[in-house]
């Protein structure tokens, strides 16, 4: 668990990668007690009673509903989150208790989605694009396994990047339980951005999603 930097510490070394930083506040609009993180934290509620707002100075991060990186996931990219509605649209689940940085080690993004577990059934390949609706590109909402070939992604239960969030870091996910879901349902996906590779360090929603990078395949 990593907390505030010591005052007066020398952080001028240019050869080291930037240290990820996130600040949580007790109340909305960045008021009340402030706790700063520079690494994973299994239970931030040991340092503050509640979290009402968040500022990500360097990211991205993922926050979890419960201590120990458990429960619902909330992707937090560089920016300000003045109240719970900025990190989720779910009114029933929005608390934050633990955090860890997300590893984004490539400017390229490639994701394979599969209809069935074990990488079986219909397959969709997504390359360097965000997809607000899988249905719009001929793929159903059932996603039971996935391969994050490059980059880090976040899947959403509903179209338009709504509902429960599921982080897909580089690697294989043979079953939907591997990304923390209780059902094989993903209806939209997008790339997670990083300041090292992307100027803004966060995604920008677009009105249209180019069709060319998406290749639904029957296997």
C-alpha atoms as a PDB file:
ATOM      1  CA  UNK A   1       0.000   0.000   0.000  1.00  0.00           C
ATOM      2  CA  UNK A   2       1.391   3.368  -1.005  1.00  0.00           C
ATOM      3  CA  UNK A   3       0.340   6.733   0.373  1.00  0.00           C
ATOM      4  CA  UNK A   4       1.416  10.379   0.184  1.00  0.00           C
ATOM      5  CA  UNK A   5       4.842  11.336  -1.101  1.00  0.00           C
ATOM      6  CA  UNK A   6       7.164  12.744   1.537  1.00  0.00           C
ATOM      7  CA  UNK A   7       7.365  16.497   1.366  1.00  0.00           C
ATOM      8  CA  UNK A   8      10.543  17.797  -0.204  1.00  0.00           C
ATOM      9  CA  UNK A   9      11.381  14.491  -1.889  1.00  0.00           C
ATOM     10  CA  UNK A  10      13.343  14.736  -5.120  1.00  0.00           C
ATOM     11  CA  UNK A  11      11.293  13.521  -8.089  1.00  0.00           C
ATOM     12  CA  UNK A  12      13.445  15.101 -10.787  1.00  0.00           C
ATOM     13  CA  UNK A  13      14.888  11.883 -12.261  1.00  0.00           C
ATOM     14  CA  UNK A  14      13.926  11.879 -15.924  1.00  0.00           C
ATOM     15  CA  UNK A  15      14.771   8.251 -16.732  1.00  0.00           C
ATOM     16  CA  UNK A  16      12.107   6.718 -14.505  1.00  0.00           C
ATOM     17  CA  UNK A  17       8.513   6.279 -15.745  1.00  0.00           C
ATOM     18  CA  UNK A  18       5.986   8.736 -14.292  1.00  0.00           C
ATOM     19  CA  UNK A  19       4.529   7.669 -10.941  1.00  0.00           C
ATOM     20  CA  UNK A  20       0.776   7.235 -11.143  1.00  0.00           C
ATOM     21  CA  UNK A  21      -1.105   9.507  -8.775  1.00  0.00           C
ATOM     22  CA  UNK A  22      -4.695   9.569  -7.586  1.00  0.00           C
ATOM     23  CA  UNK A  23      -6.306  11.701  -4.873  1.00  0.00           C
ATOM     24  CA  UNK A  24      -9.557  10.854  -3.091  1.00  0.00           C
ATOM     25  CA  UNK A  25     -11.654  13.301  -1.093  1.00  0.00           C
ATOM     26  CA  UNK A  26     -14.112  12.684   1.700  1.00  0.00           C
ATOM     27  CA  UNK A  27     -16.920  14.781   0.197  1.00  0.00           C
ATOM     28  CA  UNK A  28     -18.218  15.805  -3.210  1.00  0.00           C
ATOM     29  CA  UNK A  29     -16.516  18.604  -5.169  1.00  0.00           C
ATOM     30  CA  UNK A  30     -13.072  17.807  -3.717  1.00  0.00           C
ATOM     31  CA  UNK A  31     -13.859  18.839  -0.144  1.00  0.00           C
ATOM     32  CA  UNK A  32     -12.921  17.300   3.162  1.00  0.00           C
ATOM     33  CA  UNK A  33     -10.040  15.004   4.008  1.00  0.00           C
ATOM     34  CA  UNK A  34      -7.683  14.215   1.114  1.00  0.00           C
ATOM     35  CA  UNK A  35      -5.702  10.997   0.646  1.00  0.00           C
ATOM     36  CA  UNK A  36      -3.150  10.615  -2.162  1.00  0.00           C
ATOM     37  CA  UNK A  37      -2.160   7.277  -3.697  1.00  0.00           C
ATOM     38  CA  UNK A  38       0.842   6.379  -5.841  1.00  0.00           C
ATOM     39  CA  UNK A  39       0.241   2.617  -5.966  1.00  0.00           C
ATOM     40  CA  UNK A  40      -2.327  -0.046  -5.210  1.00  0.00           C
ATOM     41  CA  UNK A  41      -4.411   0.318  -2.062  1.00  0.00           C
ATOM     42  CA  UNK A  42      -6.451  -2.617  -0.740  1.00  0.00           C
ATOM     43  CA  UNK A  43      -8.582  -0.530   1.625  1.00  0.00           C
ATOM     44  CA  UNK A  44      -8.560   3.260   1.401  1.00  0.00           C
ATOM     45  CA  UNK A  45     -11.262   3.404   4.072  1.00  0.00           C
ATOM     46  CA  UNK A  46      -8.525   2.746   6.608  1.00  0.00           C
ATOM     47  CA  UNK A  47      -7.466   6.345   5.930  1.00  0.00           C
ATOM     48  CA  UNK A  48     -10.810   8.073   5.390  1.00  0.00           C
ATOM     49  CA  UNK A  49     -14.429   7.353   6.287  1.00  0.00           C
ATOM     50  CA  UNK A  50     -15.846   7.736   2.804  1.00  0.00           C
ATOM     51  CA  UNK A  51     -15.038   8.824  -0.760  1.00  0.00           C
ATOM     52  CA  UNK A  52     -17.123  11.579  -2.314  1.00  0.00           C
ATOM     53  CA  UNK A  53     -14.872  12.712  -5.185  1.00  0.00           C
ATOM     54  CA  UNK A  54     -11.676  11.741  -6.999  1.00  0.00           C
ATOM     55  CA  UNK A  55      -8.923  13.434  -9.004  1.00  0.00           C
ATOM     56  CA  UNK A  56      -6.659  11.339 -11.237  1.00  0.00           C
ATOM     57  CA  UNK A  57      -3.468  13.284 -11.865  1.00  0.00           C
ATOM     58  CA  UNK A  58      -1.686  10.431 -13.646  1.00  0.00           C
ATOM     59  CA  UNK A  59      -3.418   7.276 -14.657  1.00  0.00           C
ATOM     60  CA  UNK A  60      -5.317   5.233 -15.555  1.00  0.00           C
ATOM     61  CA  UNK A  61      -6.632   3.448 -12.458  1.00  0.00           C
ATOM     62  CA  UNK A  62      -9.426   1.060 -11.567  1.00  0.00           C
ATOM     63  CA  UNK A  63     -11.466   1.525  -8.407  1.00  0.00           C
ATOM     64  CA  UNK A  64     -13.398  -1.269  -6.713  1.00  0.00           C
ATOM     65  CA  UNK A  65     -16.623  -1.270  -4.745  1.00  0.00           C
ATOM     66  CA  UNK A  66     -15.200  -3.291  -1.846  1.00  0.00           C
ATOM     67  CA  UNK A  67     -11.827  -3.645  -0.117  1.00  0.00           C
ATOM     68  CA  UNK A  68      -9.350  -6.130  -1.534  1.00  0.00           C
ATOM     69  CA  UNK A  69     -10.107  -5.274  -5.169  1.00  0.00           C
ATOM     70  CA  UNK A  70     -13.545  -6.898  -5.013  1.00  0.00           C
ATOM     71  CA  UNK A  71     -17.015  -5.984  -6.226  1.00  0.00           C
ATOM     72  CA  UNK A  72     -17.956  -3.634  -9.051  1.00  0.00           C
ATOM     73  CA  UNK A  73     -15.154  -2.041 -11.081  1.00  0.00           C
ATOM     74  CA  UNK A  74     -14.846   1.620 -12.081  1.00  0.00           C
ATOM     75  CA  UNK A  75     -12.225   2.757 -14.599  1.00  0.00           C
ATOM     76  CA  UNK A  76     -10.717   6.126 -13.681  1.00  0.00           C
ATOM     77  CA  UNK A  77      -8.672   7.910 -16.348  1.00  0.00           C
ATOM     78  CA  UNK A  78      -6.875  11.244 -16.038  1.00  0.00           C
ATOM     79  CA  UNK A  79      -9.367  13.896 -14.985  1.00  0.00           C
ATOM     80  CA  UNK A  80     -11.699  15.065 -12.230  1.00  0.00           C
ATOM     81  CA  UNK A  81     -14.653  13.160 -10.758  1.00  0.00           C
ATOM     82  CA  UNK A  82     -16.582  15.623  -8.534  1.00  0.00           C
ATOM     83  CA  UNK A  83     -19.265  13.112  -7.474  1.00  0.00           C
ATOM     84  CA  UNK A  84     -20.236   9.457  -7.883  1.00  0.00           C
ATOM     85  CA  UNK A  85     -22.168  10.063 -11.116  1.00  0.00           C
ATOM     86  CA  UNK A  86     -18.870  10.972 -12.833  1.00  0.00           C
ATOM     87  CA  UNK A  87     -17.454   7.443 -12.420  1.00  0.00           C
ATOM     88  CA  UNK A  88     -20.673   5.414 -12.828  1.00  0.00           C
ATOM     89  CA  UNK A  89     -24.289   5.727 -13.944  1.00  0.00           C
ATOM     90  CA  UNK A  90     -25.502   3.078 -11.505  1.00  0.00           C
ATOM     91  CA  UNK A  91     -27.320   4.650  -8.546  1.00  0.00           C
ATOM     92  CA  UNK A  92     -27.357   1.429  -6.529  1.00  0.00           C
ATOM     93  CA  UNK A  93     -23.605   0.687  -6.626  1.00  0.00           C
ATOM     94  CA  UNK A  94     -21.144   3.561  -6.651  1.00  0.00           C
ATOM     95  CA  UNK A  95     -18.951   3.326  -3.539  1.00  0.00           C
ATOM     96  CA  UNK A  96     -15.165   3.089  -3.832  1.00  0.00           C
ATOM     97  CA  UNK A  97     -13.014   1.188  -1.332  1.00  0.00           C
ATOM     98  CA  UNK A  98      -9.843  -0.024  -3.092  1.00  0.00           C
ATOM     99  CA  UNK A  99      -7.723   1.060  -6.043  1.00  0.00           C
ATOM    100  CA  UNK A 100      -4.939  -0.163  -8.277  1.00  0.00           C
ATOM    101  CA  UNK A 101      -3.177   1.325 -11.322  1.00  0.00           C
ATOM    102  CA  UNK A 102      -3.942  -0.110 -14.755  1.00  0.00           C
ATOM    103  CA  UNK A 103      -1.033  -1.143 -16.930  1.00  0.00           C
ATOM    104  CA  UNK A 104      -1.187   0.334 -20.434  1.00  0.00           C
ATOM    105  CA  UNK A 105       1.960  -0.778 -22.211  1.00  0.00           C
ATOM    106  CA  UNK A 106       1.122  -0.169 -25.855  1.00  0.00           C
ATOM    107  CA  UNK A 107      -0.311   2.510 -28.112  1.00  0.00           C
ATOM    108  CA  UNK A 108      -1.964  -0.250 -30.156  1.00  0.00           C
ATOM    109  CA  UNK A 109      -5.207  -1.963 -29.231  1.00  0.00           C
ATOM    110  CA  UNK A 110      -6.584  -5.296 -30.401  1.00  0.00           C
ATOM    111  CA  UNK A 111      -9.369  -7.294 -28.765  1.00  0.00           C
ATOM    112  CA  UNK A 112     -11.022 -10.613 -29.659  1.00  0.00           C
ATOM    113  CA  UNK A 113     -14.500 -11.347 -28.281  1.00  0.00           C
ATOM    114  CA  UNK A 114     -16.044 -14.828 -28.354  1.00  0.00           C
ATOM    115  CA  UNK A 115     -19.629 -15.992 -28.014  1.00  0.00           C
ATOM    116  CA  UNK A 116     -18.799 -19.042 -25.903  1.00  0.00           C
ATOM    117  CA  UNK A 117     -16.340 -19.953 -23.175  1.00  0.00           C
ATOM    118  CA  UNK A 118     -12.897 -21.247 -24.103  1.00  0.00           C
ATOM    119  CA  UNK A 119     -12.686 -18.957 -27.158  1.00  0.00           C
ATOM    120  CA  UNK A 120     -15.405 -20.865 -29.046  1.00  0.00           C
ATOM    121  CA  UNK A 121     -18.361 -19.749 -31.164  1.00  0.00           C
ATOM    122  CA  UNK A 122     -18.727 -16.514 -33.093  1.00  0.00           C
ATOM    123  CA  UNK A 123     -15.730 -14.204 -32.928  1.00  0.00           C
ATOM    124  CA  UNK A 124     -15.353 -10.439 -33.248  1.00  0.00           C
ATOM    125  CA  UNK A 125     -12.019  -8.668 -33.691  1.00  0.00           C
ATOM    126  CA  UNK A 126     -11.740  -4.986 -32.714  1.00  0.00           C
ATOM    127  CA  UNK A 127      -8.630  -3.033 -33.691  1.00  0.00           C
ATOM    128  CA  UNK A 128      -7.801   0.506 -32.475  1.00  0.00           C
ATOM    129  CA  UNK A 129     -11.419   1.547 -32.029  1.00  0.00           C
ATOM    130  CA  UNK A 130     -14.176   2.080 -29.453  1.00  0.00           C
ATOM    131  CA  UNK A 131     -17.479   0.287 -30.022  1.00  0.00           C
ATOM    132  CA  UNK A 132     -20.571   1.833 -28.392  1.00  0.00           C
ATOM    133  CA  UNK A 133     -22.792  -1.042 -29.571  1.00  0.00           C
ATOM    134  CA  UNK A 134     -21.810  -4.593 -30.509  1.00  0.00           C
ATOM    135  CA  UNK A 135     -25.299  -5.122 -31.933  1.00  0.00           C
ATOM    136  CA  UNK A 136     -24.724  -2.361 -34.494  1.00  0.00           C
ATOM    137  CA  UNK A 137     -21.878  -4.393 -35.955  1.00  0.00           C
ATOM    138  CA  UNK A 138     -23.713  -7.697 -36.149  1.00  0.00           C
ATOM    139  CA  UNK A 139     -22.504  -9.224 -32.882  1.00  0.00           C
ATOM    140  CA  UNK A 140     -24.873 -10.288 -30.125  1.00  0.00           C
ATOM    141  CA  UNK A 141     -24.580  -9.232 -26.497  1.00  0.00           C
ATOM    142  CA  UNK A 142     -23.348 -12.647 -25.351  1.00  0.00           C
ATOM    143  CA  UNK A 143     -19.593 -12.474 -24.714  1.00  0.00           C
ATOM    144  CA  UNK A 144     -18.367 -15.483 -22.744  1.00  0.00           C
ATOM    145  CA  UNK A 145     -14.594 -15.282 -23.340  1.00  0.00           C
ATOM    146  CA  UNK A 146     -12.083 -12.778 -24.669  1.00  0.00           C
ATOM    147  CA  UNK A 147      -8.462 -12.205 -25.639  1.00  0.00           C
ATOM    148  CA  UNK A 148      -6.932  -8.766 -25.089  1.00  0.00           C
ATOM    149  CA  UNK A 149      -4.115  -9.019 -27.621  1.00  0.00           C
ATOM    150  CA  UNK A 150      -2.862  -5.446 -27.220  1.00  0.00           C
ATOM    151  CA  UNK A 151      -3.713  -2.606 -24.887  1.00  0.00           C
ATOM    152  CA  UNK A 152      -6.162  -2.406 -22.012  1.00  0.00           C
ATOM    153  CA  UNK A 153      -9.931  -2.346 -22.566  1.00  0.00           C
ATOM    154  CA  UNK A 154     -13.092  -1.868 -20.560  1.00  0.00           C
ATOM    155  CA  UNK A 155     -16.314  -3.674 -21.414  1.00  0.00           C
ATOM    156  CA  UNK A 156     -19.777  -2.514 -20.385  1.00  0.00           C
ATOM    157  CA  UNK A 157     -22.938  -4.516 -19.764  1.00  0.00           C
ATOM    158  CA  UNK A 158     -25.094  -2.162 -21.875  1.00  0.00           C
ATOM    159  CA  UNK A 159     -24.687  -0.126 -25.088  1.00  0.00           C
ATOM    160  CA  UNK A 160     -23.303   3.392 -24.888  1.00  0.00           C
ATOM    161  CA  UNK A 161     -20.719   2.516 -22.217  1.00  0.00           C
ATOM    162  CA  UNK A 162     -23.349   2.038 -19.516  1.00  0.00           C
ATOM    163  CA  UNK A 163     -23.845  -0.429 -16.712  1.00  0.00           C
ATOM    164  CA  UNK A 164     -21.303  -2.649 -14.978  1.00  0.00           C
ATOM    165  CA  UNK A 165     -17.702  -2.192 -16.093  1.00  0.00           C
ATOM    166  CA  UNK A 166     -15.222  -4.995 -16.737  1.00  0.00           C
ATOM    167  CA  UNK A 167     -11.497  -4.362 -17.122  1.00  0.00           C
ATOM    168  CA  UNK A 168      -9.750  -6.422 -19.802  1.00  0.00           C
ATOM    169  CA  UNK A 169      -6.000  -6.058 -19.421  1.00  0.00           C
ATOM    170  CA  UNK A 170      -3.666  -7.779 -21.860  1.00  0.00           C
ATOM    171  CA  UNK A 171      -4.161 -11.528 -21.596  1.00  0.00           C
ATOM    172  CA  UNK A 172      -6.656 -14.376 -22.066  1.00  0.00           C
ATOM    173  CA  UNK A 173     -10.062 -14.616 -20.384  1.00  0.00           C
ATOM    174  CA  UNK A 174     -11.478 -18.124 -20.915  1.00  0.00           C
ATOM    175  CA  UNK A 175     -14.657 -17.448 -18.899  1.00  0.00           C
ATOM    176  CA  UNK A 176     -16.652 -14.353 -18.025  1.00  0.00           C
ATOM    177  CA  UNK A 177     -15.860 -14.935 -14.349  1.00  0.00           C
ATOM    178  CA  UNK A 178     -12.230 -14.140 -15.229  1.00  0.00           C
ATOM    179  CA  UNK A 179     -13.151 -10.468 -15.725  1.00  0.00           C
ATOM    180  CA  UNK A 180     -15.423 -10.352 -12.681  1.00  0.00           C
ATOM    181  CA  UNK A 181     -18.814 -10.775 -14.360  1.00  0.00           C
ATOM    182  CA  UNK A 182     -21.697 -12.920 -13.148  1.00  0.00           C
ATOM    183  CA  UNK A 183     -23.181 -13.346 -16.645  1.00  0.00           C
ATOM    184  CA  UNK A 184     -21.758 -13.439 -20.218  1.00  0.00           C
ATOM    185  CA  UNK A 185     -23.094 -10.040 -21.217  1.00  0.00           C
ATOM    186  CA  UNK A 186     -21.063  -7.223 -22.783  1.00  0.00           C
ATOM    187  CA  UNK A 187     -22.721  -4.775 -25.193  1.00  0.00           C
ATOM    188  CA  UNK A 188     -20.069  -2.065 -25.621  1.00  0.00           C
ATOM    189  CA  UNK A 189     -16.278  -1.818 -25.290  1.00  0.00           C
ATOM    190  CA  UNK A 190     -13.694   0.939 -25.429  1.00  0.00           C
ATOM    191  CA  UNK A 191      -9.953   1.412 -25.104  1.00  0.00           C
ATOM    192  CA  UNK A 192      -8.364   2.646 -21.890  1.00  0.00           C
ATOM    193  CA  UNK A 193      -5.968   5.511 -22.627  1.00  0.00           C
ATOM    194  CA  UNK A 194      -2.683   6.537 -21.042  1.00  0.00           C
ATOM    195  CA  UNK A 195      -0.721   9.811 -21.098  1.00  0.00           C
ATOM    196  CA  UNK A 196       2.385   7.943 -22.277  1.00  0.00           C
ATOM    197  CA  UNK A 197       0.672   6.967 -25.523  1.00  0.00           C
ATOM    198  CA  UNK A 198      -2.255   9.391 -25.876  1.00  0.00           C
ATOM    199  CA  UNK A 199      -2.069  13.141 -25.508  1.00  0.00           C
ATOM    200  CA  UNK A 200      -5.270  13.558 -23.504  1.00  0.00           C
ATOM    201  CA  UNK A 201      -4.917  10.384 -21.486  1.00  0.00           C
ATOM    202  CA  UNK A 202      -8.615   9.659 -21.707  1.00  0.00           C
ATOM    203  CA  UNK A 203     -11.176   8.578 -24.254  1.00  0.00           C
ATOM    204  CA  UNK A 204     -13.382  10.914 -26.292  1.00  0.00           C
ATOM    205  CA  UNK A 205     -16.790   9.526 -27.202  1.00  0.00           C
ATOM    206  CA  UNK A 206     -17.550   9.805 -30.912  1.00  0.00           C
ATOM    207  CA  UNK A 207     -20.902   9.848 -32.653  1.00  0.00           C
ATOM    208  CA  UNK A 208     -19.977   7.188 -35.173  1.00  0.00           C
ATOM    209  CA  UNK A 209     -17.801   4.129 -34.957  1.00  0.00           C
ATOM    210  CA  UNK A 210     -15.979   3.219 -38.203  1.00  0.00           C
ATOM    211  CA  UNK A 211     -16.927  -0.225 -39.381  1.00  0.00           C
ATOM    212  CA  UNK A 212     -13.690  -1.177 -41.132  1.00  0.00           C
ATOM    213  CA  UNK A 213     -11.621  -2.205 -38.072  1.00  0.00           C
ATOM    214  CA  UNK A 214     -14.349  -4.580 -36.841  1.00  0.00           C
ATOM    215  CA  UNK A 215     -14.334  -8.053 -38.275  1.00  0.00           C
ATOM    216  CA  UNK A 216     -17.095 -10.340 -36.949  1.00  0.00           C
ATOM    217  CA  UNK A 217     -16.159 -13.892 -37.972  1.00  0.00           C
ATOM    218  CA  UNK A 218     -17.909 -17.253 -37.837  1.00  0.00           C
ATOM    219  CA  UNK A 219     -15.676 -19.994 -36.519  1.00  0.00           C
END
